[in-house]
C-alpha cells in the first residue's frame, strides 16, 4: 500500500491535465482497492461543496435524473451527503444498514452492473474539499475492507491537492478571468522554458526582479529551488513547495512549485494564483441581491451546516439565523434548505458541470467553481 501511496503522491505533484490525473490514479487505486468497471471522479467547488465536473469512462454525459437525485432525492447515500459528513467516506451497504435494496441509488447502480458503492471525499489537509471518488463492486465481489478504506483516507488529501493543481493548470492554459492563475516552467538553471498567457502581469506584480529584462522575482527563484531540493530528497519525492507572497498591488498571492521529472534534466513548474479565488459570493450578490450576512449564511447552508453550527460560526443567535434564512428563501424563491442547495446548483453549477463534459470530449482543460454570471469576464 505504501508503494501505491507514494506513486499517487508523485502523480499529483506535477501540474498536469485533470483527466490524465484521474486515469493514472485509477490504475494505481485498482492495485489496492479492486473495483468493478471504472471509478467515477468528481471535482467540487470547495466554497459551496457543489459538483463542478465528473469523469467516468464510458459515461460522457451524467444522466440528468441521476444529477437531480444527488441534490433532491431522499436516500441513504449521496455524493453531497458524504462531502458534508464527519468522516468523508461511506459505503452504500453500511449506510443502508446492510440492506441497500431500499435505496434508489442502489437500484440505479444495478442497471450498470454495480452492487456495492464506496464514496470518498478528497479534502486537503488544510480542509478544502476539491473532489470525490466513487468506486463500485459487482454482485459477488468481496465487501470493501477497513484496510481499503484506510488507504483511500490516506491518499485523499494528496488526490485533492492534485485535483486543485490540475484545475489551476487548466485556468493558466486557458484563462477565464482577469485574475486566472499563471504557469511558468523553468529549467534547472532558472532559465524560463515556457509560460502561459497572463504570466507577464503576475511576474510584474511580484516584488523584486525585472520581468522585462528577464530577471525573475526572488519569490519564484526561492520556490523553484525548494521544489528542486525536494525532488532530490528520496524521503520527500512528490512534495509541492508553497509560499504566500504580498504583491506590489497589495493583494496576497500563492505560489506552488513542483519538479516535472525525476530523471534526466529537471524542469520546475511554478503556478501563481490569487490567495482567495472564491467566485461564490459575487455570484450570490449579483443573482439574488443577498446581503453580506445572508451570503455567509447561504455558504454555510450549502456546506451542510445546521442552525446551531451557523449560529456558532457567525456568533449570532439561532433566531437571527432563522430570520436570515427566511429572507434568503424569499429572495431565491425557495421554501427549504434542500431547495436552496438545489437551486444554487442547477442555476449556477450545472452549466459548469455540462460545459466540463464538453471540454473533456474535446480534450480541453476542465474548470472549477460556479458558472460565471458574466461570460465576458
Protein backbone atom coordinates (compact mmCIF):
# COMPACT_ATOMS: atom_id res chain seq x y z
CA UNK A 1 0.00 0.00 0.00
CA UNK A 2 2.83 2.40 0.76
CA UNK A 3 4.23 1.94 -2.74
CA UNK A 4 0.82 2.85 -4.21
CA UNK A 5 0.52 5.87 -1.92
CA UNK A 6 3.97 7.07 -3.00
CA UNK A 7 3.02 6.64 -6.66
CA UNK A 8 -0.12 8.72 -6.18
CA UNK A 9 1.96 11.40 -4.45
CA UNK A 10 4.27 11.59 -7.47
CA UNK A 11 1.34 11.67 -9.91
CA UNK A 12 -0.35 14.50 -8.05
CA UNK A 13 2.71 16.69 -7.51
CA UNK A 14 3.45 17.70 -11.10
CA UNK A 15 0.96 20.04 -12.77
CA UNK A 16 -0.95 18.08 -15.42
CA UNK A 17 -4.37 17.72 -17.01
CA UNK A 18 -7.18 16.60 -14.73
CA UNK A 19 -8.44 13.74 -16.92
CA UNK A 20 -4.92 12.33 -17.25
CA UNK A 21 -4.53 12.52 -13.48
CA UNK A 22 -7.79 10.67 -12.87
CA UNK A 23 -6.92 7.97 -15.39
CA UNK A 24 -3.44 7.35 -13.99
CA UNK A 25 -4.69 7.46 -10.41
CA UNK A 26 -7.42 4.93 -11.28
CA UNK A 27 -4.78 2.39 -12.27
CA UNK A 28 -2.90 2.85 -9.01
CA UNK A 29 -6.04 2.65 -6.88
CA UNK A 30 -7.08 -0.57 -8.66
CA UNK A 31 -3.95 -2.30 -7.38
CA UNK A 32 -5.01 -1.71 -3.77
CA UNK A 33 -8.80 -1.35 -3.91
CA UNK A 34 -10.16 -3.53 -6.75
CA UNK A 35 -13.34 -2.18 -8.32
CA UNK A 36 -15.93 -3.01 -10.95
CA UNK A 37 -15.65 -1.39 -14.40
CA UNK A 38 -14.33 2.12 -13.72
CA UNK A 39 -14.34 4.74 -10.95
CA UNK A 40 -16.34 7.95 -11.10
CA UNK A 41 -14.28 11.01 -10.19
CA UNK A 42 -15.82 14.37 -9.34
CA UNK A 43 -14.44 17.84 -8.76
CA UNK A 44 -16.20 20.16 -6.32
CA UNK A 45 -16.11 23.83 -5.52
CA UNK A 46 -14.51 23.96 -2.05
CA UNK A 47 -16.56 27.05 -1.14
CA UNK A 48 -20.00 25.54 -1.76
CA UNK A 49 -19.15 21.79 -1.95
CA UNK A 50 -21.21 21.61 -5.15
CA UNK A 51 -20.10 19.44 -8.09
CA UNK A 52 -18.29 21.05 -11.00
CA UNK A 53 -17.26 18.03 -13.14
CA UNK A 54 -17.22 14.25 -13.37
CA UNK A 55 -15.09 11.67 -15.16
CA UNK A 56 -16.46 8.17 -15.73
CA UNK A 57 -15.09 6.21 -18.67
CA UNK A 58 -17.99 5.10 -20.84
CA UNK A 59 -20.32 7.80 -19.48
CA UNK A 60 -19.59 11.03 -21.31
CA UNK A 61 -22.81 12.63 -20.02
CA UNK A 62 -24.03 12.15 -16.46
CA UNK A 63 -27.79 11.37 -16.64
CA UNK A 64 -29.89 14.37 -15.70
CA UNK A 65 -32.17 12.38 -13.43
CA UNK A 66 -29.14 10.99 -11.56
CA UNK A 67 -27.79 14.50 -11.07
CA UNK A 68 -31.15 15.67 -9.76
CA UNK A 69 -31.23 12.72 -7.38
CA UNK A 70 -27.90 13.78 -5.86
CA UNK A 71 -29.42 17.05 -4.68
CA UNK A 72 -33.14 16.40 -4.28
CA UNK A 73 -33.64 12.69 -3.57
CA UNK A 74 -34.07 11.42 -0.01
CA UNK A 75 -31.68 8.46 0.00
CA UNK A 76 -29.28 6.84 2.45
CA UNK A 77 -26.22 7.95 0.48
CA UNK A 78 -25.30 10.71 -1.97
CA UNK A 79 -22.11 12.45 -3.04
CA UNK A 80 -23.16 15.79 -1.46
CA UNK A 81 -24.13 13.99 1.74
CA UNK A 82 -20.76 12.26 2.07
CA UNK A 83 -18.94 15.51 1.32
CA UNK A 84 -20.71 17.13 4.29
CA UNK A 85 -20.31 14.15 6.62
CA UNK A 86 -17.92 13.91 9.55
CA UNK A 87 -15.91 11.00 8.12
CA UNK A 88 -15.96 11.86 4.40
CA UNK A 89 -16.19 8.17 3.48
CA UNK A 90 -19.22 5.91 3.16
CA UNK A 91 -20.29 2.64 1.59
CA UNK A 92 -23.83 2.18 0.37
CA UNK A 93 -24.21 -1.12 2.22
CA UNK A 94 -23.12 0.44 5.53
CA UNK A 95 -25.35 3.48 5.02
CA UNK A 96 -28.31 1.19 4.30
CA UNK A 97 -27.70 -0.97 7.34
CA UNK A 98 -26.67 -3.94 5.22
CA UNK A 99 -29.79 -3.90 3.03
CA UNK A 100 -29.29 -1.49 0.11
CA UNK A 101 -32.30 -2.81 -1.81
CA UNK A 102 -34.41 0.02 -0.36
CA UNK A 103 -32.08 2.60 -1.88
CA UNK A 104 -32.97 4.22 -5.24
CA UNK A 105 -29.24 4.80 -5.70
CA UNK A 106 -28.54 1.07 -5.38
CA UNK A 107 -31.22 0.30 -7.99
CA UNK A 108 -29.66 2.80 -10.41
CA UNK A 109 -26.21 1.30 -9.88
CA UNK A 110 -27.62 -2.15 -10.62
CA UNK A 111 -28.65 -1.04 -14.11
CA UNK A 112 -24.92 -0.66 -14.87
CA UNK A 113 -23.89 -3.88 -13.16
CA UNK A 114 -22.86 -2.33 -9.85
CA UNK A 115 -23.86 -3.60 -6.42
CA UNK A 116 -21.61 -2.01 -3.82
CA UNK A 117 -20.57 1.66 -3.90
CA UNK A 118 -17.94 3.47 -1.85
CA UNK A 119 -17.75 7.28 -1.89
CA UNK A 120 -14.64 9.05 -0.58
CA UNK A 121 -14.18 12.78 -0.07
CA UNK A 122 -10.99 14.31 -1.48
CA UNK A 123 -10.08 17.00 1.02
CA UNK A 124 -6.70 18.63 1.55
CA UNK A 125 -5.04 18.64 4.95
CA UNK A 126 -5.85 22.36 5.16
CA UNK A 127 -9.56 21.50 4.94
CA UNK A 128 -10.53 22.30 1.34
CA UNK A 129 -12.66 19.73 -0.50
CA UNK A 130 -11.73 19.61 -4.18
CA UNK A 131 -13.21 16.31 -5.29
CA UNK A 132 -14.83 12.96 -4.66
CA UNK A 133 -14.25 9.38 -5.74
CA UNK A 134 -16.91 6.70 -6.22
CA UNK A 135 -15.83 3.07 -6.54
CA UNK A 136 -18.17 0.21 -7.41
CA UNK A 137 -18.19 -3.57 -7.00
CA UNK A 138 -20.36 -6.07 -8.78
CA UNK A 139 -22.52 -8.64 -7.03
CA UNK A 140 -20.39 -11.42 -5.57
CA UNK A 141 -17.26 -9.31 -5.12
CA UNK A 142 -15.88 -9.01 -1.55
CA UNK A 143 -17.10 -6.17 0.63
CA UNK A 144 -14.88 -3.10 0.96
CA UNK A 145 -12.48 -3.75 3.84
CA UNK A 146 -11.31 -1.43 6.60
CA UNK A 147 -7.81 -1.66 5.19
CA UNK A 148 -9.03 -0.48 1.78
CA UNK A 149 -10.97 2.37 3.38
CA UNK A 150 -7.88 3.39 5.35
CA UNK A 151 -5.82 3.51 2.16
CA UNK A 152 -8.36 5.80 0.47
CA UNK A 153 -8.45 8.03 3.54
CA UNK A 154 -4.64 8.21 3.46
CA UNK A 155 -4.38 9.24 -0.19
CA UNK A 156 -7.43 11.51 -0.33
CA UNK A 157 -5.56 14.70 0.71
CA UNK A 158 -2.95 14.01 -1.96
CA UNK A 159 -5.60 13.44 -4.63
CA UNK A 160 -7.36 16.63 -3.54
CA UNK A 161 -4.15 18.63 -3.98
CA UNK A 162 -3.57 17.03 -7.36
CA UNK A 163 -7.08 17.96 -8.49
CA UNK A 164 -6.57 21.53 -7.38
CA UNK A 165 -3.27 21.88 -9.25
CA UNK A 166 -4.80 20.33 -12.37
CA UNK A 167 -7.63 22.88 -12.28
CA UNK A 168 -5.11 25.69 -11.77
CA UNK A 169 -3.11 24.49 -14.76
CA UNK A 170 -6.25 24.44 -16.86
CA UNK A 171 -7.08 28.01 -15.90
CA UNK A 172 -3.50 29.06 -16.63
CA UNK A 173 -3.57 27.42 -20.08
CA UNK A 174 -6.99 28.89 -20.96
CA UNK A 175 -7.58 31.94 -18.72
CA UNK A 176 -11.22 32.56 -17.91
CA UNK A 177 -10.88 35.50 -15.54
CA UNK A 178 -8.63 38.53 -15.34
CA UNK A 179 -7.00 37.00 -12.26
CA UNK A 180 -6.71 33.46 -13.61
CA UNK A 181 -3.56 31.60 -12.46
CA UNK A 182 -0.29 31.77 -14.39
CA UNK A 183 2.17 28.94 -15.01
CA UNK A 184 5.89 29.35 -15.66
CA UNK A 185 8.24 26.43 -16.38
CA UNK A 186 11.96 26.80 -15.57
CA UNK A 187 14.92 24.56 -16.27
CA UNK A 188 17.37 23.64 -13.52
CA UNK A 189 19.44 26.74 -14.34
CA UNK A 190 16.43 29.02 -13.62
CA UNK A 191 16.02 29.89 -17.30
CA UNK A 192 12.44 30.29 -18.49
CA UNK A 193 11.36 27.42 -20.72
CA UNK A 194 7.68 28.30 -21.23
CA UNK A 195 4.90 30.46 -19.82
CA UNK A 196 1.11 30.58 -20.12
CA UNK A 197 -0.97 33.62 -21.11
CA UNK A 198 -1.14 36.28 -18.40
CA UNK A 199 2.15 35.40 -16.69
CA UNK A 200 3.61 38.81 -17.55
CA UNK A 201 1.11 40.51 -15.25
CA UNK A 202 1.82 38.12 -12.38
CA UNK A 203 5.61 38.46 -12.70
CA UNK A 204 5.40 42.25 -12.85
CA UNK A 205 3.23 42.31 -9.71
CA UNK A 206 5.55 40.14 -7.61
CA UNK A 207 8.14 42.15 -5.64
CA UNK A 208 11.74 42.23 -6.86
CA UNK A 209 13.10 41.15 -10.21
CA UNK A 210 12.51 42.77 -13.58
CA UNK A 211 10.46 40.65 -15.96
CA UNK A 212 11.11 42.98 -18.90
CA UNK A 213 14.85 42.33 -18.51
CA UNK A 214 14.38 38.61 -17.87
CA UNK A 215 15.02 38.85 -14.12
CA UNK A 216 12.73 36.56 -12.14
CA UNK A 217 11.22 37.74 -8.83
CA UNK A 218 13.11 36.29 -5.85
CA UNK A 219 9.97 34.52 -4.62
CA UNK A 220 9.85 32.46 -7.83
CA UNK A 221 13.54 31.51 -7.70
CA UNK A 222 13.34 30.60 -3.99
CA UNK A 223 10.28 28.43 -4.53
CA UNK A 224 11.81 26.72 -7.58
CA UNK A 225 14.95 25.93 -5.55
CA UNK A 226 12.84 24.37 -2.79
CA UNK A 227 10.95 22.27 -5.34
CA UNK A 228 14.22 21.07 -6.87
CA UNK A 229 15.67 20.14 -3.47
CA UNK A 230 12.53 18.17 -2.63
CA UNK A 231 12.87 16.21 -5.86
CA UNK A 232 16.42 15.25 -4.88
CA UNK A 233 15.34 14.05 -1.43
CA UNK A 234 14.16 10.42 -1.68
CA UNK A 235 12.14 10.86 1.52
CA UNK A 236 10.17 13.77 0.09
CA UNK A 237 9.56 12.80 -3.53
CA UNK A 238 6.41 14.35 -4.93
CA UNK A 239 6.15 17.13 -2.38
CA UNK A 240 4.88 20.51 -3.55
CA UNK A 241 6.58 23.70 -2.37
CA UNK A 242 4.21 26.50 -1.36
CA UNK A 243 4.67 30.14 -0.46
CA UNK A 244 2.42 33.12 0.17
CA UNK A 245 3.61 36.49 -1.12
CA UNK A 246 2.29 40.03 -0.78
CA UNK A 247 2.24 41.51 -4.29
CA UNK A 248 3.15 45.05 -5.27
CA UNK A 249 -0.54 45.81 -5.75
CA UNK A 250 -1.22 44.86 -2.14
CA UNK A 251 -3.01 41.53 -2.64
CA UNK A 252 -1.80 38.15 -1.42
CA UNK A 253 -0.85 35.51 -3.97
CA UNK A 254 0.08 31.85 -3.56
CA UNK A 255 2.94 30.15 -5.42
CA UNK A 256 3.09 26.37 -5.98
CA UNK A 257 6.34 24.76 -7.13
CA UNK A 258 6.89 21.17 -8.27
CA UNK A 259 9.53 19.28 -10.22
CA UNK A 260 8.19 17.91 -13.50
CA UNK A 261 10.51 14.89 -13.77
CA UNK A 262 12.71 12.79 -11.51
CA UNK A 263 15.14 11.63 -14.20
CA UNK A 264 17.30 13.45 -16.72
CA UNK A 265 17.36 17.24 -16.78
CA UNK A 266 14.78 18.54 -14.37
CA UNK A 267 12.22 21.23 -15.00
CA UNK A 268 10.31 23.13 -12.36
CA UNK A 269 6.75 24.36 -12.73
CA UNK A 270 5.62 27.37 -10.70
CA UNK A 271 1.92 28.25 -10.54
CA UNK A 272 0.85 31.69 -9.32
CA UNK A 273 -2.74 32.22 -8.18
CA UNK A 274 -4.80 34.66 -6.09
CA UNK A 275 -4.83 33.72 -2.42
CA UNK A 276 -8.64 33.82 -2.27
CA UNK A 277 -10.12 32.89 -5.66
CA UNK A 278 -13.73 32.30 -4.43
CA UNK A 279 -16.39 33.12 -7.04
CA UNK A 280 -19.44 32.22 -4.98
CA UNK A 281 -20.04 35.43 -3.04
CA UNK A 282 -20.13 37.78 -6.07
CA UNK A 283 -22.46 35.31 -7.78
CA UNK A 284 -24.88 35.26 -4.84
CA UNK A 285 -24.91 39.05 -4.68
CA UNK A 286 -25.45 39.62 -8.40
CA UNK A 287 -28.01 36.85 -8.86
CA UNK A 288 -30.13 37.33 -5.74
CA UNK A 289 -29.12 40.58 -4.08
CA UNK A 290 -28.15 38.89 -0.81
CA UNK A 291 -26.57 40.96 1.92
CA UNK A 292 -23.10 40.15 3.20
CA UNK A 293 -24.52 38.28 6.19
CA UNK A 294 -27.04 36.43 4.01
CA UNK A 295 -24.19 35.34 1.73
CA UNK A 296 -22.33 33.95 4.73
CA UNK A 297 -25.41 32.06 5.91
CA UNK A 298 -26.07 30.72 2.41
CA UNK A 299 -22.49 29.48 2.05
CA UNK A 300 -22.76 27.62 5.35
CA UNK A 301 -26.11 26.10 4.33
CA UNK A 302 -24.55 24.86 1.09
CA UNK A 303 -21.79 23.27 3.17
CA UNK A 304 -24.41 21.42 5.25
CA UNK A 305 -24.17 23.44 8.48
CA UNK A 306 -27.08 23.23 10.93
CA UNK A 307 -28.75 26.26 12.50
CA UNK A 308 -26.73 25.80 15.69
CA UNK A 309 -23.49 25.48 13.70
CA UNK A 310 -24.27 28.62 11.70
CA UNK A 311 -25.13 30.41 14.95
CA UNK A 312 -21.79 29.45 16.49
CA UNK A 313 -19.77 30.21 13.34
CA UNK A 314 -21.24 33.70 12.90
CA UNK A 315 -21.68 34.48 16.62
CA UNK A 316 -25.39 35.26 16.28
CA UNK A 317 -28.49 33.74 17.88
CA UNK A 318 -30.40 30.84 16.35
CA UNK A 319 -33.38 33.20 15.98
CA UNK A 320 -31.24 35.59 13.92
CA UNK A 321 -30.13 32.70 11.70
CA UNK A 322 -33.75 31.76 11.09
CA UNK A 323 -34.58 35.36 10.17
CA UNK A 324 -31.71 35.41 7.69
CA UNK A 325 -32.89 32.09 6.22
CA UNK A 326 -36.42 33.47 5.82
CA UNK A 327 -35.04 36.44 3.86
CA UNK A 328 -32.76 34.19 1.78
CA UNK A 329 -35.66 31.88 0.90
CA UNK A 330 -37.78 34.86 -0.19
CA UNK A 331 -35.01 36.30 -2.39
CA UNK A 332 -34.14 32.97 -4.01
CA UNK A 333 -37.74 31.75 -4.34
CA UNK A 334 -37.31 28.52 -2.37
CA UNK A 335 -39.00 27.00 0.69
CA UNK A 336 -36.34 24.81 2.28
CA UNK A 337 -32.61 24.31 2.69
CA UNK A 338 -32.65 21.41 0.24
CA UNK A 339 -34.41 23.58 -2.35
CA UNK A 340 -31.82 26.31 -1.77
CA UNK A 341 -28.94 23.90 -2.41
CA UNK A 342 -30.66 22.51 -5.49
CA UNK A 343 -31.47 25.96 -6.86
CA UNK A 344 -27.90 27.19 -6.49
CA UNK A 345 -26.54 24.01 -8.08
CA UNK A 346 -28.85 23.80 -11.07
CA UNK A 347 -28.78 27.53 -11.82
CA UNK A 348 -25.08 28.18 -11.29
CA UNK A 349 -23.18 24.87 -11.24
CA UNK A 350 -24.92 22.52 -13.65
CA UNK A 351 -23.91 24.77 -16.61
CA UNK A 352 -20.29 24.38 -15.46
CA UNK A 353 -20.78 20.64 -14.97
CA UNK A 354 -22.17 20.23 -18.51
CA UNK A 355 -19.57 22.53 -20.06
CA UNK A 356 -16.85 20.38 -18.49
CA UNK A 357 -18.35 17.31 -20.14
CA UNK A 358 -17.96 19.04 -23.49
CA UNK A 359 -14.45 20.14 -22.59
CA UNK A 360 -13.43 16.61 -21.63
CA UNK A 361 -14.57 15.26 -25.01
CA UNK A 362 -12.60 18.00 -26.78
CA UNK A 363 -9.50 17.39 -24.62
CA UNK A 364 -9.66 20.91 -23.21
CA UNK A 365 -8.90 21.92 -19.60
CA UNK A 366 -11.69 21.42 -17.09
CA UNK A 367 -12.94 24.27 -14.92
CA UNK A 368 -13.74 24.56 -11.23
CA UNK A 369 -16.11 26.88 -9.43
CA UNK A 370 -19.56 28.18 -10.43
CA UNK A 371 -20.54 29.25 -13.93
CA UNK A 372 -19.65 32.94 -14.41
CA UNK A 373 -22.65 35.25 -14.30
CA UNK A 374 -20.92 37.46 -16.86
CA UNK A 375 -19.43 35.35 -19.69
CA UNK A 376 -17.43 38.37 -20.94
CA UNK A 377 -15.06 38.08 -17.96
